[in-house]
C-alpha cells in the first residue's frame, strides 16, 4: 500500500510539473497574441495586460502590408517541393548506401554525417558566390536547390538508420518474383518507410517554413518573399511597426502550428524506428 501511495504521489507531482512547464512554454504565445490585437500605443505602454478593445483590424492591415497571399504561396512552394525532393532523393541514397556496403558508400555516408556539423555561417559567402555564378540567385528554384543541399545530410542519416531495420528477406522474395531494383524500393521498401519519411517531412518543414537567413541571401525581389522575409520588411532602420509585425507573425505561424499538431504523433514513432541498428 505504501508503495502504491508513493507511486501515485510521485505521478501527481510529475503531472503538475509538466503542466507548469507547458504553461511556461505558452507564455510567448500569450504575449504574441494579446499584443497583436492592441493599438501601437497600448502595445508599448503595457505589453502584458489583456487588451481592453481587440483591434482585429491589425490583421487586415498586416495582410495587405506584407502581401500575405503571395508570401504564403511562396513559402508553400518552397516547403512542399523541397520536402518532396528531400524525401525521394535522401531515401534512395540511404537505401543504396545500406544495401551496397562498399568502402565508397561508407566514406560517402561519413561525409554526409560530417556535413551536419558545419556551421551555416561559415559557408554563407561561398554559397552566395556559387549560387550567383550558377544563376540561382533571386529564384525559388535556386532556394529549393540550396535547401536540398543543406537538408540532405540529416535526412540521409535518418533514412540510413531506418533502412537497417528493414528485413533483407522481403526484398529477396520480391526479386525472386521478378521485381526490378526500383520496383523493390518503391513497392516494398518505401511504403515501410512511412514513419521515417513523415518524420523527415515534419522536421524539415519546421526548419524551412521558419527559416529567414537562407531566403534573405538568395531572394531579392519583393514578389518572391517568403513569410519570414515579408514580416521582416516591417522593421526598418528607424521604424518598427509592431502593431503590424505581431499580427503578421501570428498569420505566419498558424499554418505550421496546425501542421505540427496534425503530424506530431509520427515524430516519436519515426525517430524510434530510425534508431534501430541492424
C-alpha atoms as a PDB file:
ATOM      1  CA  UNK A   1       0.000   0.000   0.000  1.00  0.00           C
ATOM      2  CA  UNK A   2       2.760   2.389   0.934  1.00  0.00           C
ATOM      3  CA  UNK A   3       4.483   1.767  -2.381  1.00  0.00           C
ATOM      4  CA  UNK A   4       1.228   2.431  -4.261  1.00  0.00           C
ATOM      5  CA  UNK A   5       0.672   5.711  -2.409  1.00  0.00           C
ATOM      6  CA  UNK A   6       4.224   6.839  -3.125  1.00  0.00           C
ATOM      7  CA  UNK A   7       3.770   5.970  -6.790  1.00  0.00           C
ATOM      8  CA  UNK A   8       0.522   7.937  -7.031  1.00  0.00           C
ATOM      9  CA  UNK A   9       2.052  10.893  -5.229  1.00  0.00           C
ATOM     10  CA  UNK A  10       5.093  10.952  -7.496  1.00  0.00           C
ATOM     11  CA  UNK A  11       2.813  10.679 -10.548  1.00  0.00           C
ATOM     12  CA  UNK A  12       0.722  13.658  -9.413  1.00  0.00           C
ATOM     13  CA  UNK A  13       3.844  15.732  -8.730  1.00  0.00           C
ATOM     14  CA  UNK A  14       5.241  14.833 -12.156  1.00  0.00           C
ATOM     15  CA  UNK A  15       1.989  15.815 -13.874  1.00  0.00           C
ATOM     16  CA  UNK A  16       1.884  19.154 -12.031  1.00  0.00           C
ATOM     17  CA  UNK A  17       5.477  19.886 -13.062  1.00  0.00           C
ATOM     18  CA  UNK A  18       4.700  19.002 -16.683  1.00  0.00           C
ATOM     19  CA  UNK A  19       1.650  21.295 -16.693  1.00  0.00           C
ATOM     20  CA  UNK A  20       3.709  24.165 -15.272  1.00  0.00           C
ATOM     21  CA  UNK A  21       6.427  23.618 -17.868  1.00  0.00           C
ATOM     22  CA  UNK A  22       3.762  23.541 -20.603  1.00  0.00           C
ATOM     23  CA  UNK A  23       2.297  26.829 -19.382  1.00  0.00           C
ATOM     24  CA  UNK A  24       5.783  28.320 -19.296  1.00  0.00           C
ATOM     25  CA  UNK A  25       6.292  27.459 -22.956  1.00  0.00           C
ATOM     26  CA  UNK A  26       2.914  29.022 -23.797  1.00  0.00           C
ATOM     27  CA  UNK A  27       3.836  32.401 -22.281  1.00  0.00           C
ATOM     28  CA  UNK A  28       5.485  33.726 -25.506  1.00  0.00           C
ATOM     29  CA  UNK A  29       2.345  32.804 -27.461  1.00  0.00           C
ATOM     30  CA  UNK A  30       0.249  34.746 -24.949  1.00  0.00           C
ATOM     31  CA  UNK A  31       2.349  37.887 -25.416  1.00  0.00           C
ATOM     32  CA  UNK A  32       2.309  37.429 -29.177  1.00  0.00           C
ATOM     33  CA  UNK A  33      -1.464  37.112 -29.411  1.00  0.00           C
ATOM     34  CA  UNK A  34      -2.576  39.772 -26.908  1.00  0.00           C
ATOM     35  CA  UNK A  35      -0.193  42.343 -28.368  1.00  0.00           C
ATOM     36  CA  UNK A  36      -1.245  41.554 -31.924  1.00  0.00           C
ATOM     37  CA  UNK A  37      -4.723  42.947 -31.204  1.00  0.00           C
ATOM     38  CA  UNK A  38      -3.645  46.160 -29.454  1.00  0.00           C
ATOM     39  CA  UNK A  39      -3.058  49.653 -30.741  1.00  0.00           C
ATOM     40  CA  UNK A  40       0.554  50.711 -31.156  1.00  0.00           C
ATOM     41  CA  UNK A  41       0.361  52.929 -28.064  1.00  0.00           C
ATOM     42  CA  UNK A  42      -1.155  50.251 -25.808  1.00  0.00           C
ATOM     43  CA  UNK A  43       1.393  47.764 -27.049  1.00  0.00           C
ATOM     44  CA  UNK A  44       4.270  49.961 -25.932  1.00  0.00           C
ATOM     45  CA  UNK A  45       2.829  51.108 -22.594  1.00  0.00           C
ATOM     46  CA  UNK A  46       1.609  47.780 -21.187  1.00  0.00           C
ATOM     47  CA  UNK A  47       2.501  44.729 -23.215  1.00  0.00           C
ATOM     48  CA  UNK A  48       1.475  42.182 -20.557  1.00  0.00           C
ATOM     49  CA  UNK A  49      -2.090  43.423 -19.995  1.00  0.00           C
ATOM     50  CA  UNK A  50      -5.148  41.904 -21.631  1.00  0.00           C
ATOM     51  CA  UNK A  51      -6.402  44.274 -24.376  1.00  0.00           C
ATOM     52  CA  UNK A  52      -9.400  46.403 -23.445  1.00  0.00           C
ATOM     53  CA  UNK A  53     -10.555  46.523 -27.066  1.00  0.00           C
ATOM     54  CA  UNK A  54      -9.488  43.922 -29.610  1.00  0.00           C
ATOM     55  CA  UNK A  55      -8.056  45.629 -32.696  1.00  0.00           C
ATOM     56  CA  UNK A  56      -8.823  42.936 -35.263  1.00  0.00           C
ATOM     57  CA  UNK A  57      -8.122  45.470 -37.984  1.00  0.00           C
ATOM     58  CA  UNK A  58      -4.412  44.927 -37.297  1.00  0.00           C
ATOM     59  CA  UNK A  59      -4.679  41.578 -39.061  1.00  0.00           C
ATOM     60  CA  UNK A  60      -6.329  43.088 -42.134  1.00  0.00           C
ATOM     61  CA  UNK A  61      -3.660  45.786 -42.307  1.00  0.00           C
ATOM     62  CA  UNK A  62      -0.838  43.253 -41.875  1.00  0.00           C
ATOM     63  CA  UNK A  63      -2.433  41.006 -44.534  1.00  0.00           C
ATOM     64  CA  UNK A  64      -2.282  43.823 -47.070  1.00  0.00           C
ATOM     65  CA  UNK A  65       1.046  45.293 -45.964  1.00  0.00           C
ATOM     66  CA  UNK A  66       3.104  42.114 -46.336  1.00  0.00           C
ATOM     67  CA  UNK A  67       1.027  40.790 -49.265  1.00  0.00           C
ATOM     68  CA  UNK A  68       0.311  37.683 -47.249  1.00  0.00           C
ATOM     69  CA  UNK A  69      -1.297  35.543 -50.014  1.00  0.00           C
ATOM     70  CA  UNK A  70       1.809  35.939 -52.188  1.00  0.00           C
ATOM     71  CA  UNK A  71       4.194  35.280 -49.292  1.00  0.00           C
ATOM     72  CA  UNK A  72       2.130  32.264 -48.214  1.00  0.00           C
ATOM     73  CA  UNK A  73       2.197  30.795 -51.712  1.00  0.00           C
ATOM     74  CA  UNK A  74       5.974  31.274 -51.975  1.00  0.00           C
ATOM     75  CA  UNK A  75       6.519  29.587 -48.609  1.00  0.00           C
ATOM     76  CA  UNK A  76       4.227  26.713 -49.590  1.00  0.00           C
ATOM     77  CA  UNK A  77       6.003  26.161 -52.918  1.00  0.00           C
ATOM     78  CA  UNK A  78       9.458  26.170 -51.343  1.00  0.00           C
ATOM     79  CA  UNK A  79       8.449  23.980 -48.400  1.00  0.00           C
ATOM     80  CA  UNK A  80       6.423  21.402 -50.325  1.00  0.00           C
ATOM     81  CA  UNK A  81       8.808  20.984 -53.273  1.00  0.00           C
ATOM     82  CA  UNK A  82      11.885  20.877 -51.012  1.00  0.00           C
ATOM     83  CA  UNK A  83      10.280  18.215 -48.834  1.00  0.00           C
ATOM     84  CA  UNK A  84       9.212  16.037 -51.754  1.00  0.00           C
ATOM     85  CA  UNK A  85      12.682  16.109 -53.310  1.00  0.00           C
ATOM     86  CA  UNK A  86      14.445  15.598 -49.970  1.00  0.00           C
ATOM     87  CA  UNK A  87      12.321  12.547 -49.139  1.00  0.00           C
ATOM     88  CA  UNK A  88      12.728  10.977 -52.573  1.00  0.00           C
ATOM     89  CA  UNK A  89      16.445  11.618 -53.070  1.00  0.00           C
ATOM     90  CA  UNK A  90      17.546  11.005 -49.477  1.00  0.00           C
ATOM     91  CA  UNK A  91      15.594   7.771 -49.101  1.00  0.00           C
ATOM     92  CA  UNK A  92      17.017   6.365 -52.335  1.00  0.00           C
ATOM     93  CA  UNK A  93      20.555   7.431 -51.400  1.00  0.00           C
ATOM     94  CA  UNK A  94      20.285   5.917 -47.910  1.00  0.00           C
ATOM     95  CA  UNK A  95      18.862   2.667 -49.295  1.00  0.00           C
ATOM     96  CA  UNK A  96      21.735   2.351 -51.745  1.00  0.00           C
ATOM     97  CA  UNK A  97      24.346   3.039 -49.063  1.00  0.00           C
ATOM     98  CA  UNK A  98      22.919   0.404 -46.722  1.00  0.00           C
ATOM     99  CA  UNK A  99      22.289  -2.341 -49.253  1.00  0.00           C
ATOM    100  CA  UNK A 100      25.579  -1.783 -51.120  1.00  0.00           C
ATOM    101  CA  UNK A 101      28.022  -1.709 -48.222  1.00  0.00           C
ATOM    102  CA  UNK A 102      31.133  -0.720 -50.153  1.00  0.00           C
ATOM    103  CA  UNK A 103      34.043   1.365 -48.934  1.00  0.00           C
ATOM    104  CA  UNK A 104      32.978   4.230 -51.191  1.00  0.00           C
ATOM    105  CA  UNK A 105      29.464   4.257 -49.740  1.00  0.00           C
ATOM    106  CA  UNK A 106      30.804   4.172 -46.178  1.00  0.00           C
ATOM    107  CA  UNK A 107      33.030   7.164 -46.928  1.00  0.00           C
ATOM    108  CA  UNK A 108      30.137   8.952 -48.625  1.00  0.00           C
ATOM    109  CA  UNK A 109      27.897   8.372 -45.621  1.00  0.00           C
ATOM    110  CA  UNK A 110      30.650   9.674 -43.358  1.00  0.00           C
ATOM    111  CA  UNK A 111      30.779  12.839 -45.457  1.00  0.00           C
ATOM    112  CA  UNK A 112      27.030  13.297 -45.006  1.00  0.00           C
ATOM    113  CA  UNK A 113      27.452  12.962 -41.242  1.00  0.00           C
ATOM    114  CA  UNK A 114      30.353  15.433 -41.250  1.00  0.00           C
ATOM    115  CA  UNK A 115      28.251  17.951 -43.196  1.00  0.00           C
ATOM    116  CA  UNK A 116      25.718  18.027 -40.351  1.00  0.00           C
ATOM    117  CA  UNK A 117      28.194  19.780 -38.026  1.00  0.00           C
ATOM    118  CA  UNK A 118      29.349  22.508 -40.445  1.00  0.00           C
ATOM    119  CA  UNK A 119      28.001  25.909 -39.275  1.00  0.00           C
ATOM    120  CA  UNK A 120      25.919  27.626 -41.918  1.00  0.00           C
ATOM    121  CA  UNK A 121      27.528  30.985 -41.155  1.00  0.00           C
ATOM    122  CA  UNK A 122      30.924  29.651 -42.236  1.00  0.00           C
ATOM    123  CA  UNK A 123      29.764  28.983 -45.795  1.00  0.00           C
ATOM    124  CA  UNK A 124      27.423  31.912 -46.407  1.00  0.00           C
ATOM    125  CA  UNK A 125      29.840  33.890 -48.574  1.00  0.00           C
ATOM    126  CA  UNK A 126      30.904  30.913 -50.751  1.00  0.00           C
ATOM    127  CA  UNK A 127      27.230  29.942 -51.047  1.00  0.00           C
ATOM    128  CA  UNK A 128      26.225  33.353 -52.404  1.00  0.00           C
ATOM    129  CA  UNK A 129      29.177  33.314 -54.810  1.00  0.00           C
ATOM    130  CA  UNK A 130      28.383  29.857 -56.178  1.00  0.00           C
ATOM    131  CA  UNK A 131      24.643  30.445 -56.496  1.00  0.00           C
ATOM    132  CA  UNK A 132      25.294  33.751 -58.248  1.00  0.00           C
ATOM    133  CA  UNK A 133      27.673  32.132 -60.738  1.00  0.00           C
ATOM    134  CA  UNK A 134      25.124  29.393 -61.442  1.00  0.00           C
ATOM    135  CA  UNK A 135      22.318  31.895 -61.981  1.00  0.00           C
ATOM    136  CA  UNK A 136      20.324  30.652 -58.983  1.00  0.00           C
ATOM    137  CA  UNK A 137      20.111  33.995 -57.172  1.00  0.00           C
ATOM    138  CA  UNK A 138      16.630  35.550 -56.838  1.00  0.00           C
ATOM    139  CA  UNK A 139      14.629  32.465 -57.767  1.00  0.00           C
ATOM    140  CA  UNK A 140      12.536  29.996 -55.801  1.00  0.00           C
ATOM    141  CA  UNK A 141      14.214  27.186 -57.731  1.00  0.00           C
ATOM    142  CA  UNK A 142      17.633  28.289 -56.534  1.00  0.00           C
ATOM    143  CA  UNK A 143      16.375  28.459 -52.956  1.00  0.00           C
ATOM    144  CA  UNK A 144      14.942  24.940 -53.230  1.00  0.00           C
ATOM    145  CA  UNK A 145      18.265  23.589 -54.542  1.00  0.00           C
ATOM    146  CA  UNK A 146      20.051  25.174 -51.565  1.00  0.00           C
ATOM    147  CA  UNK A 147      17.588  23.550 -49.170  1.00  0.00           C
ATOM    148  CA  UNK A 148      18.273  20.203 -50.825  1.00  0.00           C
ATOM    149  CA  UNK A 149      21.960  20.598 -50.131  1.00  0.00           C
ATOM    150  CA  UNK A 150      21.534  21.637 -46.505  1.00  0.00           C
ATOM    151  CA  UNK A 151      18.685  19.232 -45.706  1.00  0.00           C
ATOM    152  CA  UNK A 152      20.118  16.084 -47.299  1.00  0.00           C
ATOM    153  CA  UNK A 153      22.684  15.196 -44.568  1.00  0.00           C
ATOM    154  CA  UNK A 154      20.153  14.876 -41.738  1.00  0.00           C
ATOM    155  CA  UNK A 155      17.554  13.239 -43.993  1.00  0.00           C
ATOM    156  CA  UNK A 156      20.029  10.647 -45.269  1.00  0.00           C
ATOM    157  CA  UNK A 157      21.175   9.973 -41.705  1.00  0.00           C
ATOM    158  CA  UNK A 158      17.605   9.271 -40.522  1.00  0.00           C
ATOM    159  CA  UNK A 159      16.706   7.119 -43.536  1.00  0.00           C
ATOM    160  CA  UNK A 160      20.005   5.242 -43.245  1.00  0.00           C
ATOM    161  CA  UNK A 161      19.181   4.112 -39.719  1.00  0.00           C
ATOM    162  CA  UNK A 162      15.676   3.078 -40.711  1.00  0.00           C
ATOM    163  CA  UNK A 163      16.683   1.022 -43.758  1.00  0.00           C
ATOM    164  CA  UNK A 164      18.856  -1.146 -41.493  1.00  0.00           C
ATOM    165  CA  UNK A 165      15.709  -2.301 -39.701  1.00  0.00           C
ATOM    166  CA  UNK A 166      14.029  -3.472 -42.938  1.00  0.00           C
ATOM    167  CA  UNK A 167      14.497  -7.271 -43.390  1.00  0.00           C
ATOM    168  CA  UNK A 168      16.519  -8.127 -46.471  1.00  0.00           C
ATOM    169  CA  UNK A 169      14.470 -11.329 -46.928  1.00  0.00           C
ATOM    170  CA  UNK A 170      11.446  -9.293 -48.043  1.00  0.00           C
ATOM    171  CA  UNK A 171      13.450  -7.710 -50.838  1.00  0.00           C
ATOM    172  CA  UNK A 172      14.958 -11.037 -51.877  1.00  0.00           C
ATOM    173  CA  UNK A 173      11.493 -12.554 -52.175  1.00  0.00           C
ATOM    174  CA  UNK A 174      10.407  -9.672 -54.406  1.00  0.00           C
ATOM    175  CA  UNK A 175      13.456 -10.127 -56.640  1.00  0.00           C
ATOM    176  CA  UNK A 176      12.694 -13.825 -56.988  1.00  0.00           C
ATOM    177  CA  UNK A 177       9.245 -12.838 -58.230  1.00  0.00           C
ATOM    178  CA  UNK A 178      10.920 -10.767 -60.939  1.00  0.00           C
ATOM    179  CA  UNK A 179      10.773  -7.279 -59.452  1.00  0.00           C
ATOM    180  CA  UNK A 180      13.461  -4.787 -60.501  1.00  0.00           C
ATOM    181  CA  UNK A 181      15.608  -2.774 -58.101  1.00  0.00           C
ATOM    182  CA  UNK A 182      13.319   0.233 -58.459  1.00  0.00           C
ATOM    183  CA  UNK A 183      10.270  -1.990 -58.081  1.00  0.00           C
ATOM    184  CA  UNK A 184      11.638  -3.417 -54.838  1.00  0.00           C
ATOM    185  CA  UNK A 185      12.326   0.043 -53.476  1.00  0.00           C
ATOM    186  CA  UNK A 186       9.076   1.784 -54.434  1.00  0.00           C
ATOM    187  CA  UNK A 187       6.736  -1.173 -53.873  1.00  0.00           C
ATOM    188  CA  UNK A 188       8.324  -2.814 -50.823  1.00  0.00           C
ATOM    189  CA  UNK A 189      10.824  -0.599 -49.011  1.00  0.00           C
ATOM    190  CA  UNK A 190       9.411   2.911 -49.484  1.00  0.00           C
ATOM    191  CA  UNK A 191       5.935   2.091 -48.087  1.00  0.00           C
ATOM    192  CA  UNK A 192       7.628   0.619 -44.997  1.00  0.00           C
ATOM    193  CA  UNK A 193       9.458   3.938 -44.541  1.00  0.00           C
ATOM    194  CA  UNK A 194       6.254   5.853 -43.777  1.00  0.00           C
ATOM    195  CA  UNK A 195       7.104   6.621 -40.107  1.00  0.00           C
ATOM    196  CA  UNK A 196      10.523   7.909 -41.126  1.00  0.00           C
ATOM    197  CA  UNK A 197       9.614   9.990 -44.164  1.00  0.00           C
ATOM    198  CA  UNK A 198       6.760  11.577 -42.230  1.00  0.00           C
ATOM    199  CA  UNK A 199       9.278  12.452 -39.513  1.00  0.00           C
ATOM    200  CA  UNK A 200      11.691  13.878 -42.093  1.00  0.00           C
ATOM    201  CA  UNK A 201       8.875  15.956 -43.586  1.00  0.00           C
ATOM    202  CA  UNK A 202       7.883  17.326 -40.171  1.00  0.00           C
ATOM    203  CA  UNK A 203      11.423  18.268 -39.134  1.00  0.00           C
ATOM    204  CA  UNK A 204      12.309  19.819 -42.485  1.00  0.00           C
ATOM    205  CA  UNK A 205       9.005  21.691 -42.673  1.00  0.00           C
ATOM    206  CA  UNK A 206       9.574  23.308 -39.278  1.00  0.00           C
ATOM    207  CA  UNK A 207      13.042  24.365 -40.437  1.00  0.00           C
ATOM    208  CA  UNK A 208      12.235  25.533 -43.971  1.00  0.00           C
ATOM    209  CA  UNK A 209       8.998  27.343 -43.130  1.00  0.00           C
ATOM    210  CA  UNK A 210      10.578  29.419 -40.340  1.00  0.00           C
ATOM    211  CA  UNK A 211      13.961  29.971 -41.975  1.00  0.00           C
ATOM    212  CA  UNK A 212      14.978  33.573 -42.527  1.00  0.00           C
ATOM    213  CA  UNK A 213      18.719  33.584 -43.190  1.00  0.00           C
ATOM    214  CA  UNK A 214      18.923  31.464 -46.349  1.00  0.00           C
ATOM    215  CA  UNK A 215      15.981  33.139 -48.175  1.00  0.00           C
ATOM    216  CA  UNK A 216      17.405  36.549 -47.260  1.00  0.00           C
ATOM    217  CA  UNK A 217      20.637  35.592 -49.053  1.00  0.00           C
ATOM    218  CA  UNK A 218      19.010  34.088 -52.148  1.00  0.00           C
ATOM    219  CA  UNK A 219      15.828  36.081 -52.726  1.00  0.00           C
ATOM    220  CA  UNK A 220      15.881  39.763 -53.698  1.00  0.00           C
ATOM    221  CA  UNK A 221      12.593  40.533 -55.473  1.00  0.00           C
ATOM    222  CA  UNK A 222       9.667  41.568 -53.297  1.00  0.00           C
ATOM    223  CA  UNK A 223       7.282  39.253 -55.157  1.00  0.00           C
ATOM    224  CA  UNK A 224       9.405  36.229 -54.175  1.00  0.00           C
ATOM    225  CA  UNK A 225       9.456  36.904 -50.435  1.00  0.00           C
ATOM    226  CA  UNK A 226       8.606  34.062 -48.089  1.00  0.00           C
ATOM    227  CA  UNK A 227       6.667  34.790 -44.897  1.00  0.00           C
ATOM    228  CA  UNK A 228       9.727  35.429 -42.645  1.00  0.00           C
ATOM    229  CA  UNK A 229      11.229  37.823 -45.223  1.00  0.00           C
ATOM    230  CA  UNK A 230       7.933  39.633 -45.740  1.00  0.00           C
ATOM    231  CA  UNK A 231       7.469  40.029 -41.982  1.00  0.00           C
ATOM    232  CA  UNK A 232      10.996  41.383 -41.515  1.00  0.00           C
ATOM    233  CA  UNK A 233      10.216  44.094 -44.062  1.00  0.00           C
ATOM    234  CA  UNK A 234       8.096  45.749 -41.355  1.00  0.00           C
ATOM    235  CA  UNK A 235      11.262  46.521 -39.384  1.00  0.00           C
ATOM    236  CA  UNK A 236      13.240  49.439 -40.783  1.00  0.00           C
ATOM    237  CA  UNK A 237      16.288  51.313 -39.536  1.00  0.00           C
ATOM    238  CA  UNK A 238      14.203  53.988 -37.835  1.00  0.00           C
ATOM    239  CA  UNK A 239      10.723  52.461 -37.588  1.00  0.00           C
ATOM    240  CA  UNK A 240       9.378  49.225 -36.164  1.00  0.00           C
ATOM    241  CA  UNK A 241       5.734  48.574 -36.951  1.00  0.00           C
ATOM    242  CA  UNK A 242       4.951  46.255 -34.055  1.00  0.00           C
ATOM    243  CA  UNK A 243       1.201  46.656 -34.475  1.00  0.00           C
ATOM    244  CA  UNK A 244       1.581  45.081 -37.941  1.00  0.00           C
ATOM    245  CA  UNK A 245       4.535  42.768 -37.296  1.00  0.00           C
ATOM    246  CA  UNK A 246       2.871  40.834 -34.479  1.00  0.00           C
ATOM    247  CA  UNK A 247      -0.314  40.050 -36.456  1.00  0.00           C
ATOM    248  CA  UNK A 248       1.937  39.059 -39.379  1.00  0.00           C
ATOM    249  CA  UNK A 249       3.812  36.687 -37.086  1.00  0.00           C
ATOM    250  CA  UNK A 250       0.548  35.120 -35.933  1.00  0.00           C
ATOM    251  CA  UNK A 251      -0.586  34.673 -39.537  1.00  0.00           C
ATOM    252  CA  UNK A 252       2.769  33.126 -40.402  1.00  0.00           C
ATOM    253  CA  UNK A 253       2.936  30.610 -37.575  1.00  0.00           C
ATOM    254  CA  UNK A 254      -0.681  29.422 -37.691  1.00  0.00           C
ATOM    255  CA  UNK A 255      -0.241  27.105 -40.729  1.00  0.00           C
ATOM    256  CA  UNK A 256       2.862  25.482 -39.256  1.00  0.00           C
ATOM    257  CA  UNK A 257       1.246  25.042 -35.823  1.00  0.00           C
ATOM    258  CA  UNK A 258      -1.771  23.341 -37.389  1.00  0.00           C
ATOM    259  CA  UNK A 259       0.514  21.137 -39.478  1.00  0.00           C
ATOM    260  CA  UNK A 260       2.616  20.182 -36.461  1.00  0.00           C
ATOM    261  CA  UNK A 261      -0.399  19.336 -34.290  1.00  0.00           C
ATOM    262  CA  UNK A 262      -1.777  17.072 -37.009  1.00  0.00           C
ATOM    263  CA  UNK A 263       1.519  15.275 -37.620  1.00  0.00           C
ATOM    264  CA  UNK A 264       3.285  15.217 -34.253  1.00  0.00           C
ATOM    265  CA  UNK A 265       2.216  11.656 -33.413  1.00  0.00           C
ATOM    266  CA  UNK A 266       4.598  10.360 -36.070  1.00  0.00           C
ATOM    267  CA  UNK A 267       7.727  12.044 -34.644  1.00  0.00           C
ATOM    268  CA  UNK A 268       8.488   9.670 -31.768  1.00  0.00           C
ATOM    269  CA  UNK A 269       7.471   6.662 -33.826  1.00  0.00           C
ATOM    270  CA  UNK A 270       9.769   7.649 -36.685  1.00  0.00           C
ATOM    271  CA  UNK A 271      12.790   8.602 -34.593  1.00  0.00           C
ATOM    272  CA  UNK A 272      12.475   5.416 -32.516  1.00  0.00           C
ATOM    273  CA  UNK A 273      12.293   3.324 -35.666  1.00  0.00           C
ATOM    274  CA  UNK A 274      15.299   5.116 -37.118  1.00  0.00           C
ATOM    275  CA  UNK A 275      17.381   4.383 -34.049  1.00  0.00           C
ATOM    276  CA  UNK A 276      17.232   0.620 -34.633  1.00  0.00           C
ATOM    277  CA  UNK A 277      20.586  -0.756 -35.669  1.00  0.00           C
ATOM    278  CA  UNK A 278      20.846  -3.727 -37.947  1.00  0.00           C
END
